[in-house]
């Protein structure tokens, strides 16, 4: 997974406290979204290696 060092530090601080809230690979996030009846509408790169990911309902056109 490509990410900034600050994201790695943030992820490392989250894992022991809240395992469900970790930095995920986009492919993993898409799999979770599909299982929750969501679809990937867009994934736009931001500064520092972050993404804005839009996951609307797959049940709506």
PDB file of N, CA and C in Angstrom:
ATOM      1  N   UNK A   1       0.851  -1.167   0.000  1.00  0.00           N
ATOM      2  CA  UNK A   1       0.000   0.000   0.000  1.00  0.00           C
ATOM      3  C   UNK A   1       0.898   1.232   0.000  1.00  0.00           C
ATOM      4  N   UNK A   2       0.591   2.162  -0.842  1.00  0.00           N
ATOM      5  CA  UNK A   2       1.346   3.404  -0.949  1.00  0.00           C
ATOM      6  C   UNK A   2       0.715   4.429  -0.014  1.00  0.00           C
ATOM      7  N   UNK A   3       1.492   4.962   0.913  1.00  0.00           N
ATOM      8  CA  UNK A   3       0.960   5.951   1.845  1.00  0.00           C
ATOM      9  C   UNK A   3       2.083   6.788   2.418  1.00  0.00           C
ATOM     10  N   UNK A   4       1.745   7.924   2.946  1.00  0.00           N
ATOM     11  CA  UNK A   4       2.728   8.820   3.558  1.00  0.00           C
ATOM     12  C   UNK A   4       3.140   8.279   4.925  1.00  0.00           C
ATOM     13  N   UNK A   5       4.362   8.618   5.392  1.00  0.00           N
ATOM     14  CA  UNK A   5       4.796   8.161   6.723  1.00  0.00           C
ATOM     15  C   UNK A   5       3.821   8.567   7.840  1.00  0.00           C
ATOM     16  N   UNK A   6       3.218   9.738   7.721  1.00  0.00           N
ATOM     17  CA  UNK A   6       2.266  10.170   8.756  1.00  0.00           C
ATOM     18  C   UNK A   6       1.042   9.264   8.791  1.00  0.00           C
ATOM     19  N   UNK A   7       0.629   8.749   7.622  1.00  0.00           N
ATOM     20  CA  UNK A   7      -0.503   7.819   7.602  1.00  0.00           C
ATOM     21  C   UNK A   7      -0.131   6.497   8.264  1.00  0.00           C
ATOM     22  N   UNK A   8       1.108   6.061   8.068  1.00  0.00           N
ATOM     23  CA  UNK A   8       1.567   4.844   8.727  1.00  0.00           C
ATOM     24  C   UNK A   8       1.574   4.986  10.236  1.00  0.00           C
ATOM     25  N   UNK A   9       2.013   6.145  10.718  1.00  0.00           N
ATOM     26  CA  UNK A   9       2.025   6.406  12.165  1.00  0.00           C
ATOM     27  C   UNK A   9       0.594   6.457  12.711  1.00  0.00           C
ATOM     28  N   UNK A  10      -0.303   7.090  11.970  1.00  0.00           N
ATOM     29  CA  UNK A  10      -1.706   7.166  12.381  1.00  0.00           C
ATOM     30  C   UNK A  10      -2.311   5.767  12.444  1.00  0.00           C
ATOM     31  N   UNK A  11      -2.045   4.953  11.429  1.00  0.00           N
ATOM     32  CA  UNK A  11      -2.538   3.581  11.395  1.00  0.00           C
ATOM     33  C   UNK A  11      -2.013   2.788  12.592  1.00  0.00           C
ATOM     34  N   UNK A  12      -0.729   2.921  12.862  1.00  0.00           N
ATOM     35  CA  UNK A  12      -0.129   2.190  13.988  1.00  0.00           C
ATOM     36  C   UNK A  12      -0.757   2.600  15.318  1.00  0.00           C
ATOM     37  N   UNK A  13      -1.151   3.857  15.450  1.00  0.00           N
ATOM     38  CA  UNK A  13      -1.780   4.299  16.700  1.00  0.00           C
ATOM     39  C   UNK A  13      -3.223   3.809  16.814  1.00  0.00           C
ATOM     40  N   UNK A  14      -3.891   3.605  15.681  1.00  0.00           N
ATOM     41  CA  UNK A  14      -5.287   3.140  15.700  1.00  0.00           C
ATOM     42  C   UNK A  14      -5.414   1.653  15.975  1.00  0.00           C
ATOM     43  N   UNK A  15      -4.536   0.848  15.399  1.00  0.00           N
ATOM     44  CA  UNK A  15      -4.690  -0.611  15.456  1.00  0.00           C
ATOM     45  C   UNK A  15      -4.895  -1.162  16.865  1.00  0.00           C
ATOM     46  N   UNK A  16      -4.110  -0.751  17.857  1.00  0.00           N
ATOM     47  CA  UNK A  16      -4.342  -1.315  19.194  1.00  0.00           C
ATOM     48  C   UNK A  16      -5.626  -0.801  19.855  1.00  0.00           C
ATOM     49  N   UNK A  17      -6.053   0.405  19.503  1.00  0.00           N
ATOM     50  CA  UNK A  17      -7.225   1.002  20.149  1.00  0.00           C
ATOM     51  C   UNK A  17      -8.530   0.620  19.472  1.00  0.00           C
ATOM     52  N   UNK A  18      -8.560   0.690  18.143  1.00  0.00           N
ATOM     53  CA  UNK A  18      -9.782   0.453  17.383  1.00  0.00           C
ATOM     54  C   UNK A  18      -9.430  -0.303  16.110  1.00  0.00           C
ATOM     55  N   UNK A  19      -9.318  -1.628  16.183  1.00  0.00           N
ATOM     56  CA  UNK A  19      -8.850  -2.420  15.043  1.00  0.00           C
ATOM     57  C   UNK A  19      -9.677  -2.243  13.760  1.00  0.00           C
ATOM     58  N   UNK A  20     -10.951  -1.907  13.873  1.00  0.00           N
ATOM     59  CA  UNK A  20     -11.774  -1.742  12.676  1.00  0.00           C
ATOM     60  C   UNK A  20     -11.457  -0.438  11.937  1.00  0.00           C
ATOM     61  N   UNK A  21     -10.832   0.508  12.616  1.00  0.00           N
ATOM     62  CA  UNK A  21     -10.542   1.817  12.020  1.00  0.00           C
ATOM     63  C   UNK A  21      -9.087   1.897  11.609  1.00  0.00           C
ATOM     64  N   UNK A  22      -8.682   1.136  10.653  1.00  0.00           N
ATOM     65  CA  UNK A  22      -7.284   1.140  10.226  1.00  0.00           C
ATOM     66  C   UNK A  22      -7.179   1.634   8.790  1.00  0.00           C
ATOM     67  N   UNK A  23      -5.984   2.022   8.400  1.00  0.00           N
ATOM     68  CA  UNK A  23      -5.741   2.410   7.022  1.00  0.00           C
ATOM     69  C   UNK A  23      -5.830   1.153   6.171  1.00  0.00           C
ATOM     70  N   UNK A  24      -6.629   1.191   5.134  1.00  0.00           N
ATOM     71  CA  UNK A  24      -6.844   0.016   4.299  1.00  0.00           C
ATOM     72  C   UNK A  24      -6.373   0.260   2.869  1.00  0.00           C
ATOM     73  N   UNK A  25      -6.013  -0.814   2.234  1.00  0.00           N
ATOM     74  CA  UNK A  25      -5.719  -0.780   0.816  1.00  0.00           C
ATOM     75  C   UNK A  25      -7.039  -0.546   0.081  1.00  0.00           C
ATOM     76  N   UNK A  26      -7.014   0.215  -1.010  1.00  0.00           N
ATOM     77  CA  UNK A  26      -8.251   0.521  -1.725  1.00  0.00           C
ATOM     78  C   UNK A  26      -8.954  -0.751  -2.202  1.00  0.00           C
ATOM     79  N   UNK A  27      -8.212  -1.751  -2.614  1.00  0.00           N
ATOM     80  CA  UNK A  27      -8.837  -3.011  -3.046  1.00  0.00           C
ATOM     81  C   UNK A  27      -9.603  -3.660  -1.894  1.00  0.00           C
ATOM     82  N   UNK A  28      -9.055  -3.607  -0.682  1.00  0.00           N
ATOM     83  CA  UNK A  28      -9.762  -4.151   0.484  1.00  0.00           C
ATOM     84  C   UNK A  28     -11.010  -3.331   0.781  1.00  0.00           C
ATOM     85  N   UNK A  29     -10.899  -2.019   0.688  1.00  0.00           N
ATOM     86  CA  UNK A  29     -12.053  -1.150   0.942  1.00  0.00           C
ATOM     87  C   UNK A  29     -13.162  -1.416  -0.070  1.00  0.00           C
ATOM     88  N   UNK A  30     -12.800  -1.655  -1.322  1.00  0.00           N
ATOM     89  CA  UNK A  30     -13.804  -1.968  -2.341  1.00  0.00           C
ATOM     90  C   UNK A  30     -14.510  -3.281  -2.022  1.00  0.00           C
ATOM     91  N   UNK A  31     -13.784  -4.268  -1.523  1.00  0.00           N
ATOM     92  CA  UNK A  31     -14.397  -5.549  -1.153  1.00  0.00           C
ATOM     93  C   UNK A  31     -15.376  -5.365   0.003  1.00  0.00           C
ATOM     94  N   UNK A  32     -14.995  -4.581   1.018  1.00  0.00           N
ATOM     95  CA  UNK A  32     -15.905  -4.297   2.137  1.00  0.00           C
ATOM     96  C   UNK A  32     -17.134  -3.548   1.638  1.00  0.00           C
ATOM     97  N   UNK A  33     -16.928  -2.600   0.735  1.00  0.00           N
ATOM     98  CA  UNK A  33     -18.036  -1.812   0.199  1.00  0.00           C
ATOM     99  C   UNK A  33     -19.024  -2.701  -0.556  1.00  0.00           C
ATOM    100  N   UNK A  34     -18.512  -3.574  -1.387  1.00  0.00           N
ATOM    101  CA  UNK A  34     -19.369  -4.483  -2.148  1.00  0.00           C
ATOM    102  C   UNK A  34     -20.202  -5.347  -1.206  1.00  0.00           C
ATOM    103  N   UNK A  35     -19.586  -5.838  -0.150  1.00  0.00           N
ATOM    104  CA  UNK A  35     -20.297  -6.672   0.828  1.00  0.00           C
ATOM    105  C   UNK A  35     -21.381  -5.885   1.556  1.00  0.00           C
ATOM    106  N   UNK A  36     -21.232  -4.567   1.607  1.00  0.00           N
ATOM    107  CA  UNK A  36     -22.214  -3.716   2.291  1.00  0.00           C
ATOM    108  C   UNK A  36     -23.168  -3.039   1.306  1.00  0.00           C
ATOM    109  N   UNK A  37     -23.255  -3.550   0.081  1.00  0.00           N
ATOM    110  CA  UNK A  37     -24.127  -3.010  -0.961  1.00  0.00           C
ATOM    111  C   UNK A  37     -23.774  -1.575  -1.329  1.00  0.00           C
ATOM    112  N   UNK A  38     -22.474  -1.285  -1.359  1.00  0.00           N
ATOM    113  CA  UNK A  38     -21.978   0.015  -1.811  1.00  0.00           C
ATOM    114  C   UNK A  38     -21.153  -0.215  -3.064  1.00  0.00           C
ATOM    115  N   UNK A  39     -20.908   0.858  -3.816  1.00  0.00           N
ATOM    116  CA  UNK A  39     -20.064   0.757  -5.004  1.00  0.00           C
ATOM    117  C   UNK A  39     -19.069   1.903  -5.003  1.00  0.00           C
ATOM    118  N   UNK A  40     -17.944   1.684  -5.609  1.00  0.00           N
ATOM    119  CA  UNK A  40     -16.926   2.720  -5.702  1.00  0.00           C
ATOM    120  C   UNK A  40     -17.300   3.671  -6.826  1.00  0.00           C
ATOM    121  N   UNK A  41     -17.651   4.918  -6.474  1.00  0.00           N
ATOM    122  CA  UNK A  41     -17.988   5.926  -7.476  1.00  0.00           C
ATOM    123  C   UNK A  41     -16.747   6.704  -7.893  1.00  0.00           C
ATOM    124  N   UNK A  42     -15.870   6.980  -6.915  1.00  0.00           N
ATOM    125  CA  UNK A  42     -14.624   7.683  -7.240  1.00  0.00           C
ATOM    126  C   UNK A  42     -13.631   7.514  -6.101  1.00  0.00           C
ATOM    127  N   UNK A  43     -12.367   7.644  -6.464  1.00  0.00           N
ATOM    128  CA  UNK A  43     -11.267   7.636  -5.498  1.00  0.00           C
ATOM    129  C   UNK A  43     -10.270   8.679  -5.990  1.00  0.00           C
ATOM    130  N   UNK A  44     -10.301   9.838  -5.388  1.00  0.00           N
ATOM    131  CA  UNK A  44      -9.490  10.961  -5.837  1.00  0.00           C
ATOM    132  C   UNK A  44      -8.306  11.180  -4.906  1.00  0.00           C
ATOM    133  N   UNK A  45      -7.118  11.282  -5.501  1.00  0.00           N
ATOM    134  CA  UNK A  45      -5.910  11.489  -4.707  1.00  0.00           C
ATOM    135  C   UNK A  45      -5.882  12.886  -4.124  1.00  0.00           C
ATOM    136  N   UNK A  46      -5.415  12.960  -2.885  1.00  0.00           N
ATOM    137  CA  UNK A  46      -5.242  14.218  -2.172  1.00  0.00           C
ATOM    138  C   UNK A  46      -3.773  14.337  -1.791  1.00  0.00           C
ATOM    139  N   UNK A  47      -3.437  15.403  -1.098  1.00  0.00           N
ATOM    140  CA  UNK A  47      -2.060  15.576  -0.638  1.00  0.00           C
ATOM    141  C   UNK A  47      -1.696  14.511   0.380  1.00  0.00           C
ATOM    142  N   UNK A  48      -0.427  14.302   0.561  1.00  0.00           N
ATOM    143  CA  UNK A  48       0.136  13.403   1.577  1.00  0.00           C
ATOM    144  C   UNK A  48      -0.307  11.949   1.400  1.00  0.00           C
ATOM    145  N   UNK A  49      -0.620  11.556   0.169  1.00  0.00           N
ATOM    146  CA  UNK A  49      -0.947  10.158  -0.085  1.00  0.00           C
ATOM    147  C   UNK A  49      -2.321   9.731   0.376  1.00  0.00           C
ATOM    148  N   UNK A  50      -3.199  10.665   0.671  1.00  0.00           N
ATOM    149  CA  UNK A  50      -4.553  10.323   1.107  1.00  0.00           C
ATOM    150  C   UNK A  50      -5.486  10.218  -0.089  1.00  0.00           C
ATOM    151  N   UNK A  51      -6.620   9.587   0.113  1.00  0.00           N
ATOM    152  CA  UNK A  51      -7.660   9.487  -0.908  1.00  0.00           C
ATOM    153  C   UNK A  51      -8.985   9.966  -0.344  1.00  0.00           C
ATOM    154  N   UNK A  52      -9.790  10.578  -1.189  1.00  0.00           N
ATOM    155  CA  UNK A  52     -11.192  10.804  -0.883  1.00  0.00           C
ATOM    156  C   UNK A  52     -11.943   9.737  -1.659  1.00  0.00           C
ATOM    157  N   UNK A  53     -12.656   8.879  -0.953  1.00  0.00           N
ATOM    158  CA  UNK A  53     -13.348   7.755  -1.563  1.00  0.00           C
ATOM    159  C   UNK A  53     -14.853   7.961  -1.403  1.00  0.00           C
ATOM    160  N   UNK A  54     -15.581   7.889  -2.525  1.00  0.00           N
ATOM    161  CA  UNK A  54     -17.033   8.049  -2.511  1.00  0.00           C
ATOM    162  C   UNK A  54     -17.657   6.685  -2.782  1.00  0.00           C
ATOM    163  N   UNK A  55     -18.491   6.238  -1.831  1.00  0.00           N
ATOM    164  CA  UNK A  55     -19.100   4.896  -1.911  1.00  0.00           C
ATOM    165  C   UNK A  55     -20.622   5.005  -1.739  1.00  0.00           C
ATOM    166  N   UNK A  56     -21.349   5.384  -2.793  1.00  0.00           N
ATOM    167  CA  UNK A  56     -22.818   5.445  -2.668  1.00  0.00           C
ATOM    168  C   UNK A  56     -23.418   4.040  -2.691  1.00  0.00           C
ATOM    169  N   UNK A  57     -24.689   3.976  -2.399  1.00  0.00           N
ATOM    170  CA  UNK A  57     -25.406   2.701  -2.414  1.00  0.00           C
ATOM    171  C   UNK A  57     -25.368   2.090  -3.804  1.00  0.00           C
ATOM    172  N   UNK A  58     -25.102   0.805  -3.885  1.00  0.00           N
ATOM    173  CA  UNK A  58     -25.132   0.108  -5.168  1.00  0.00           C
ATOM    174  C   UNK A  58     -26.551  -0.172  -5.606  1.00  0.00           C
ATOM    175  N   UNK A  59     -27.505   0.028  -4.709  1.00  0.00           N
ATOM    176  CA  UNK A  59     -28.902  -0.256  -5.014  1.00  0.00           C
ATOM    177  C   UNK A  59     -29.572   0.878  -5.772  1.00  0.00           C
ATOM    178  N   UNK A  60     -28.943   2.056  -5.787  1.00  0.00           N
ATOM    179  CA  UNK A  60     -29.469   3.185  -6.514  1.00  0.00           C
ATOM    180  C   UNK A  60     -28.729   3.328  -7.830  1.00  0.00           C
ATOM    181  N   UNK A  61     -29.423   3.761  -8.880  1.00  0.00           N
ATOM    182  CA  UNK A  61     -28.770   3.900 -10.185  1.00  0.00           C
ATOM    183  C   UNK A  61     -27.687   4.973 -10.197  1.00  0.00           C
TER     184      UNK A  61
END
